[in-house]
């Protein structure tokens, strides 16, 4: 298996801040290109420092897991066998090293792209997922309330907005957004709230037409998530607390929804199983992302038919990116690519 990695640093359209971080003006991601038994694919590994990953760790781990997958027989050219082979590839990666889910996601996405391309299929057809997907929302980071409102007005075509909270002016920010935007608002505190102030704020969120509250408290404080969910009719959605499928059972009865992200759980295959298991357990599901390019977003979009809420806007936060092929339709739904991810470099390379 031939694998090449490229670290990309791309400017963001607007500064983007969440509750636990300083504002970002650029993102850093790792693009994966592979060739395996004549198949070629693109992948993306977006390292998240919160989960202990950096471009450096991706650069070390991804070649190790690629070597393990390279020892497998070639993937079969029919759908059931190809699916089983991709699952074997996941197991081979996990046998080499635990966690490091973004690095594994980079290879997993590239493998799914390569196998689907080789069969002449769109990725969703290889996976057996529906091409009928919900529209994506659009995310706006923490900033001065007037600036957040300006960005909300600019994003008025989107059927829902996700507003990052956890700063000193959360209520004022939402009031200003509601003045310029009448659709559903989803709020995401990224672990930045405390229980009592959150409970006091919840009725105001309901008044302002907020649809859900994402991850108000720290990752391991499931007791606090449960406490707030018992005090509000708004769905609490676990994000940082729902890293992988193994985290789901502990969240039953504590929250009403979970946010699944390929970079948290290890790629397309793990995300597909996590979404399926979450539904079995009765959770509403969100399909989310980091500030990824169209490569990562296209991979996630192939699973979007399994989600109640779609938050796949990372590439829309970029000033420019070196990929084409992924487009929104007039209702802000992603047009699923074909074959594979349907994404190419702007210079025409695969």
Protein backbone atom coordinates (compact mmCIF):
# COMPACT_ATOMS: atom_id res chain seq x y z
CA UNK A 1 0.00 0.00 0.00
CA UNK A 2 1.38 3.38 -1.02
CA UNK A 3 0.22 6.19 1.26
CA UNK A 4 1.19 9.86 1.16
CA UNK A 5 0.29 12.52 3.71
CA UNK A 6 0.07 16.28 3.26
CA UNK A 7 -0.45 18.76 6.09
CA UNK A 8 -2.71 21.60 4.97
CA UNK A 9 -3.09 24.91 6.79
CA UNK A 10 -6.06 26.79 5.42
CA UNK A 11 -7.45 30.18 6.38
CA UNK A 12 -10.94 30.41 7.85
CA UNK A 13 -13.49 32.80 6.40
CA UNK A 14 -14.17 34.28 9.87
CA UNK A 15 -12.38 33.81 13.20
CA UNK A 16 -13.88 30.74 14.87
CA UNK A 17 -13.89 30.29 18.63
CA UNK A 18 -15.48 27.71 20.92
CA UNK A 19 -15.80 27.93 24.70
CA UNK A 20 -12.57 26.16 25.63
CA UNK A 21 -10.25 27.64 22.97
CA UNK A 22 -8.89 30.89 21.67
CA UNK A 23 -10.21 32.05 18.28
CA UNK A 24 -8.86 30.14 15.28
CA UNK A 25 -8.04 32.01 12.10
CA UNK A 26 -6.85 28.93 10.25
CA UNK A 27 -7.30 25.17 10.44
CA UNK A 28 -4.76 22.40 10.13
CA UNK A 29 -5.66 19.04 8.64
CA UNK A 30 -3.90 16.07 7.06
CA UNK A 31 -4.88 14.86 3.59
CA UNK A 32 -4.30 11.20 2.80
CA UNK A 33 -3.76 9.80 -0.69
CA UNK A 34 -3.40 6.06 -1.17
CA UNK A 35 -2.89 3.54 -3.92
CA UNK A 36 -3.65 -0.09 -3.11
CA UNK A 37 -3.90 -2.93 -5.60
CA UNK A 38 -4.57 -0.43 -8.38
CA UNK A 39 -7.21 1.45 -6.38
CA UNK A 40 -6.79 5.13 -5.52
CA UNK A 41 -8.52 7.08 -2.78
CA UNK A 42 -8.57 10.32 -0.82
CA UNK A 43 -8.95 10.63 2.93
CA UNK A 44 -8.68 13.25 5.64
CA UNK A 45 -7.43 13.14 9.22
CA UNK A 46 -8.37 16.26 11.18
CA UNK A 47 -6.41 16.05 14.45
CA UNK A 48 -8.20 17.39 17.53
CA UNK A 49 -5.95 18.37 20.41
CA UNK A 50 -8.82 17.78 22.88
CA UNK A 51 -8.48 14.08 22.07
CA UNK A 52 -4.68 14.15 22.16
CA UNK A 53 -3.99 14.27 18.43
CA UNK A 54 -1.77 16.58 16.41
CA UNK A 55 -0.48 16.56 12.83
CA UNK A 56 2.65 14.96 14.31
CA UNK A 57 0.79 12.06 15.90
CA UNK A 58 -1.17 11.51 12.69
CA UNK A 59 2.11 11.45 10.77
CA UNK A 60 3.43 8.69 13.05
CA UNK A 61 0.29 6.58 13.51
CA UNK A 62 -1.21 6.58 10.05
CA UNK A 63 1.74 4.85 8.30
CA UNK A 64 1.70 2.17 11.02
CA UNK A 65 -1.97 1.35 10.52
CA UNK A 66 -1.56 1.55 6.74
CA UNK A 67 1.18 -1.07 6.92
CA UNK A 68 -1.16 -3.38 8.82
CA UNK A 69 -3.99 -2.92 6.33
CA UNK A 70 -1.56 -3.43 3.46
CA UNK A 71 -1.01 -7.02 4.60
CA UNK A 72 -4.64 -7.91 3.89
CA UNK A 73 -5.68 -9.58 0.65
CA UNK A 74 -7.06 -7.25 -2.03
CA UNK A 75 -10.65 -6.07 -1.45
CA UNK A 76 -13.33 -8.08 -3.27
CA UNK A 77 -15.11 -6.40 -6.17
CA UNK A 78 -18.63 -7.06 -4.89
CA UNK A 79 -20.54 -5.18 -2.20
CA UNK A 80 -20.88 -7.74 0.64
CA UNK A 81 -17.26 -8.79 0.34
CA UNK A 82 -16.05 -5.19 0.09
CA UNK A 83 -17.95 -4.25 3.25
CA UNK A 84 -16.45 -7.21 5.11
CA UNK A 85 -12.97 -6.26 3.87
CA UNK A 86 -13.35 -2.68 5.08
CA UNK A 87 -14.38 -4.01 8.51
CA UNK A 88 -11.29 -6.23 8.51
CA UNK A 89 -9.22 -3.14 7.72
CA UNK A 90 -10.65 -1.40 10.80
CA UNK A 91 -9.78 -4.40 12.95
CA UNK A 92 -6.26 -4.43 11.55
CA UNK A 93 -5.83 -0.77 12.50
CA UNK A 94 -7.19 -1.30 16.01
CA UNK A 95 -4.84 -4.24 16.54
CA UNK A 96 -1.86 -1.96 15.93
CA UNK A 97 -2.78 0.87 18.31
CA UNK A 98 -5.69 2.06 20.42
CA UNK A 99 -7.53 5.36 20.04
CA UNK A 100 -5.90 7.81 17.56
CA UNK A 101 -9.27 7.99 15.85
CA UNK A 102 -8.52 10.91 13.52
CA UNK A 103 -5.48 9.11 12.09
CA UNK A 104 -7.56 5.97 11.59
CA UNK A 105 -10.35 8.03 10.07
CA UNK A 106 -7.93 9.41 7.49
CA UNK A 107 -7.04 5.94 6.26
CA UNK A 108 -10.59 4.59 6.65
CA UNK A 109 -12.04 7.38 4.51
CA UNK A 110 -9.37 6.85 1.83
CA UNK A 111 -10.07 3.11 1.79
CA UNK A 112 -13.81 3.64 1.45
CA UNK A 113 -13.21 6.13 -1.37
CA UNK A 114 -10.82 3.76 -3.13
CA UNK A 115 -13.07 0.70 -2.87
CA UNK A 116 -16.19 2.59 -3.98
CA UNK A 117 -14.32 4.22 -6.87
CA UNK A 118 -12.95 0.86 -7.94
CA UNK A 119 -16.50 -0.52 -8.10
CA UNK A 120 -17.82 2.56 -9.89
CA UNK A 121 -20.24 3.29 -7.04
CA UNK A 122 -21.06 6.35 -4.95
CA UNK A 123 -20.01 5.76 -1.36
CA UNK A 124 -23.57 5.74 -0.04
CA UNK A 125 -24.41 2.84 -2.38
CA UNK A 126 -21.45 0.82 -1.13
CA UNK A 127 -22.58 1.48 2.43
CA UNK A 128 -26.27 0.87 1.78
CA UNK A 129 -27.29 4.26 3.16
CA UNK A 130 -29.99 6.52 1.80
CA UNK A 131 -29.15 9.36 -0.62
CA UNK A 132 -32.12 11.27 0.83
CA UNK A 133 -30.38 13.37 3.48
CA UNK A 134 -31.35 16.30 5.73
CA UNK A 135 -29.96 19.78 5.07
CA UNK A 136 -26.94 20.98 6.97
CA UNK A 137 -26.99 23.80 9.46
CA UNK A 138 -24.29 26.49 9.60
CA UNK A 139 -22.06 27.15 12.62
CA UNK A 140 -21.00 30.52 14.02
CA UNK A 141 -18.28 30.84 16.62
CA UNK A 142 -18.19 32.90 19.81
CA UNK A 143 -17.63 36.60 19.22
CA UNK A 144 -19.15 39.97 20.06
CA UNK A 145 -22.95 39.67 19.85
CA UNK A 146 -23.19 42.20 17.02
CA UNK A 147 -20.62 40.28 14.96
CA UNK A 148 -22.38 36.98 15.58
CA UNK A 149 -25.65 38.58 14.45
CA UNK A 150 -24.00 39.90 11.29
CA UNK A 151 -22.75 36.43 10.44
CA UNK A 152 -26.16 34.95 11.23
CA UNK A 153 -27.80 37.37 8.80
CA UNK A 154 -25.25 36.44 6.15
CA UNK A 155 -26.08 32.74 6.68
CA UNK A 156 -29.82 33.31 6.44
CA UNK A 157 -30.28 30.78 3.61
CA UNK A 158 -29.50 27.89 5.97
CA UNK A 159 -32.53 26.16 7.52
CA UNK A 160 -30.87 26.11 10.96
CA UNK A 161 -27.91 27.80 12.66
CA UNK A 162 -25.60 26.40 15.30
CA UNK A 163 -24.43 29.15 17.64
CA UNK A 164 -21.38 28.51 19.79
CA UNK A 165 -21.89 29.68 23.38
CA UNK A 166 -19.91 29.63 26.60
CA UNK A 167 -18.77 33.24 26.56
CA UNK A 168 -19.77 36.20 28.73
CA UNK A 169 -22.71 37.33 26.57
CA UNK A 170 -24.61 34.15 25.67
CA UNK A 171 -28.12 35.49 26.15
CA UNK A 172 -27.39 38.79 24.42
CA UNK A 173 -25.85 36.90 21.52
CA UNK A 174 -28.98 34.80 21.05
CA UNK A 175 -31.25 37.83 21.35
CA UNK A 176 -29.28 39.59 18.61
CA UNK A 177 -29.31 36.50 16.39
CA UNK A 178 -33.06 36.11 16.79
CA UNK A 179 -33.53 39.70 15.58
CA UNK A 180 -32.06 38.78 12.18
CA UNK A 181 -32.80 35.05 11.83
CA UNK A 182 -36.15 33.31 12.32
CA UNK A 183 -35.23 29.64 11.80
CA UNK A 184 -34.23 27.00 14.38
CA UNK A 185 -31.20 27.78 16.50
CA UNK A 186 -28.99 25.04 17.93
CA UNK A 187 -26.62 26.04 20.72
CA UNK A 188 -23.31 24.38 21.54
CA UNK A 189 -21.47 25.23 24.76
CA UNK A 190 -18.52 22.84 24.15
CA UNK A 191 -18.28 21.97 27.89
CA UNK A 192 -18.22 25.67 28.84
CA UNK A 193 -21.24 25.99 31.19
CA UNK A 194 -21.90 25.40 34.88
CA UNK A 195 -25.09 23.58 36.02
CA UNK A 196 -27.00 26.28 37.92
CA UNK A 197 -26.48 29.07 35.36
CA UNK A 198 -27.36 26.62 32.59
CA UNK A 199 -30.63 25.69 34.29
CA UNK A 200 -31.46 29.38 34.75
CA UNK A 201 -30.71 30.04 31.06
CA UNK A 202 -32.76 27.12 29.74
CA UNK A 203 -36.19 28.87 29.87
CA UNK A 204 -34.73 31.80 27.92
CA UNK A 205 -33.45 29.38 25.30
CA UNK A 206 -36.92 27.90 24.97
CA UNK A 207 -38.39 31.40 24.62
CA UNK A 208 -35.96 32.19 21.83
CA UNK A 209 -36.82 29.06 19.85
CA UNK A 210 -33.64 27.12 20.52
CA UNK A 211 -33.93 23.55 19.20
CA UNK A 212 -31.28 21.76 21.29
CA UNK A 213 -28.37 22.24 23.70
CA UNK A 214 -25.13 20.51 22.79
CA UNK A 215 -22.55 19.42 25.39
CA UNK A 216 -23.02 22.04 28.11
CA UNK A 217 -20.74 20.33 30.66
CA UNK A 218 -17.37 18.52 30.76
CA UNK A 219 -16.92 15.23 28.98
CA UNK A 220 -17.07 12.94 32.01
CA UNK A 221 -19.82 14.80 33.91
CA UNK A 222 -22.65 12.63 32.69
CA UNK A 223 -24.31 13.24 36.05
CA UNK A 224 -24.52 16.95 35.23
CA UNK A 225 -25.90 16.25 31.76
CA UNK A 226 -28.60 14.09 33.34
CA UNK A 227 -29.35 16.78 35.94
CA UNK A 228 -29.95 19.43 33.28
CA UNK A 229 -31.92 17.12 30.99
CA UNK A 230 -34.33 16.49 33.87
CA UNK A 231 -34.90 20.26 34.14
CA UNK A 232 -35.51 21.24 30.53
CA UNK A 233 -37.72 20.11 27.68
CA UNK A 234 -34.92 20.91 25.22
CA UNK A 235 -32.90 17.90 24.05
CA UNK A 236 -29.41 17.73 25.50
CA UNK A 237 -27.03 16.36 22.87
CA UNK A 238 -23.75 14.74 23.92
CA UNK A 239 -20.71 15.51 21.76
CA UNK A 240 -17.46 15.36 23.72
CA UNK A 241 -19.12 12.75 25.97
CA UNK A 242 -19.98 10.57 22.95
CA UNK A 243 -16.61 9.90 21.39
CA UNK A 244 -17.18 6.31 20.23
CA UNK A 245 -19.87 3.64 20.14
CA UNK A 246 -18.60 2.34 23.49
CA UNK A 247 -19.70 5.59 25.18
CA UNK A 248 -23.37 5.27 24.23
CA UNK A 249 -24.71 2.91 26.91
CA UNK A 250 -23.58 5.21 29.73
CA UNK A 251 -25.54 8.09 28.18
CA UNK A 252 -28.90 6.31 28.10
CA UNK A 253 -31.32 8.31 30.25
CA UNK A 254 -28.83 11.16 30.65
CA UNK A 255 -29.28 12.89 27.28
CA UNK A 256 -31.71 12.68 24.40
CA UNK A 257 -29.23 12.91 21.55
CA UNK A 258 -25.65 12.22 20.51
CA UNK A 259 -23.36 13.88 17.98
CA UNK A 260 -21.39 11.41 15.85
CA UNK A 261 -18.23 12.61 14.10
CA UNK A 262 -15.91 10.58 11.90
CA UNK A 263 -12.81 12.18 13.41
CA UNK A 264 -13.91 11.24 16.94
CA UNK A 265 -14.81 7.62 16.31
CA UNK A 266 -12.38 6.51 13.61
CA UNK A 267 -13.98 6.93 10.20
CA UNK A 268 -16.90 5.93 8.02
CA UNK A 269 -17.34 2.37 9.28
CA UNK A 270 -17.24 3.22 13.00
CA UNK A 271 -19.57 6.19 12.46
CA UNK A 272 -22.07 4.01 10.58
CA UNK A 273 -22.18 1.52 13.46
CA UNK A 274 -22.36 4.30 16.05
CA UNK A 275 -25.31 5.97 14.34
CA UNK A 276 -27.09 2.64 14.04
CA UNK A 277 -26.49 1.72 17.68
CA UNK A 278 -27.55 5.18 18.86
CA UNK A 279 -30.89 4.77 17.13
CA UNK A 280 -31.33 1.33 18.65
CA UNK A 281 -30.83 2.90 22.09
CA UNK A 282 -33.45 5.57 21.38
CA UNK A 283 -31.19 8.58 20.86
CA UNK A 284 -31.82 11.32 18.36
CA UNK A 285 -28.71 11.61 16.21
CA UNK A 286 -26.63 14.48 14.94
CA UNK A 287 -23.92 13.98 12.34
CA UNK A 288 -21.19 16.54 12.93
CA UNK A 289 -17.70 17.51 11.81
CA UNK A 290 -14.61 19.54 12.57
CA UNK A 291 -13.35 22.35 10.31
CA UNK A 292 -12.67 19.79 7.60
CA UNK A 293 -12.24 20.11 3.85
CA UNK A 294 -14.70 18.65 1.36
CA UNK A 295 -12.93 15.30 1.68
CA UNK A 296 -14.04 14.71 5.26
CA UNK A 297 -17.42 16.35 4.73
CA UNK A 298 -18.19 14.19 1.67
CA UNK A 299 -17.37 11.05 3.63
CA UNK A 300 -19.71 12.05 6.45
CA UNK A 301 -22.45 13.15 4.04
CA UNK A 302 -22.73 9.58 2.77
CA UNK A 303 -24.05 8.71 6.26
CA UNK A 304 -26.35 11.70 6.65
CA UNK A 305 -29.48 9.75 5.83
CA UNK A 306 -29.12 8.13 9.27
CA UNK A 307 -29.11 11.46 11.15
CA UNK A 308 -31.92 13.60 12.55
CA UNK A 309 -29.75 16.72 12.54
CA UNK A 310 -26.88 17.39 10.12
CA UNK A 311 -24.01 19.70 11.06
CA UNK A 312 -21.65 19.21 8.12
CA UNK A 313 -20.40 22.69 7.38
CA UNK A 314 -16.66 22.55 8.13
CA UNK A 315 -15.63 23.22 4.55
CA UNK A 316 -18.02 26.17 4.40
CA UNK A 317 -16.01 27.86 7.15
CA UNK A 318 -12.89 27.93 4.95
CA UNK A 319 -11.83 30.94 2.90
CA UNK A 320 -10.67 28.58 0.12
CA UNK A 321 -9.86 24.90 -0.21
CA UNK A 322 -8.04 22.77 -2.80
CA UNK A 323 -10.90 20.35 -3.58
CA UNK A 324 -13.92 20.39 -5.84
CA UNK A 325 -16.89 18.15 -6.43
CA UNK A 326 -18.96 18.61 -3.27
CA UNK A 327 -21.83 21.06 -3.65
CA UNK A 328 -24.90 22.18 -1.74
CA UNK A 329 -28.25 22.13 -3.45
CA UNK A 330 -30.76 24.96 -3.14
CA UNK A 331 -32.11 23.50 0.13
CA UNK A 332 -28.62 23.25 1.70
CA UNK A 333 -28.42 19.47 1.26
CA UNK A 334 -25.11 18.04 0.09
CA UNK A 335 -25.17 16.45 -3.35
CA UNK A 336 -23.59 13.05 -2.76
CA UNK A 337 -20.61 12.38 -5.03
CA UNK A 338 -20.00 9.63 -7.57
CA UNK A 339 -17.92 7.52 -7.74
CA UNK A 340 -16.62 7.19 -4.18
CA UNK A 341 -16.56 10.56 -2.46
CA UNK A 342 -16.83 12.36 -5.77
CA UNK A 343 -14.17 14.83 -4.58
CA UNK A 344 -11.04 15.76 -6.52
CA UNK A 345 -8.17 18.17 -6.11
CA UNK A 346 -8.64 21.39 -7.99
CA UNK A 347 -5.64 20.48 -10.16
CA UNK A 348 -7.49 17.34 -11.26
CA UNK A 349 -5.47 14.83 -9.23
CA UNK A 350 -7.22 12.04 -7.35
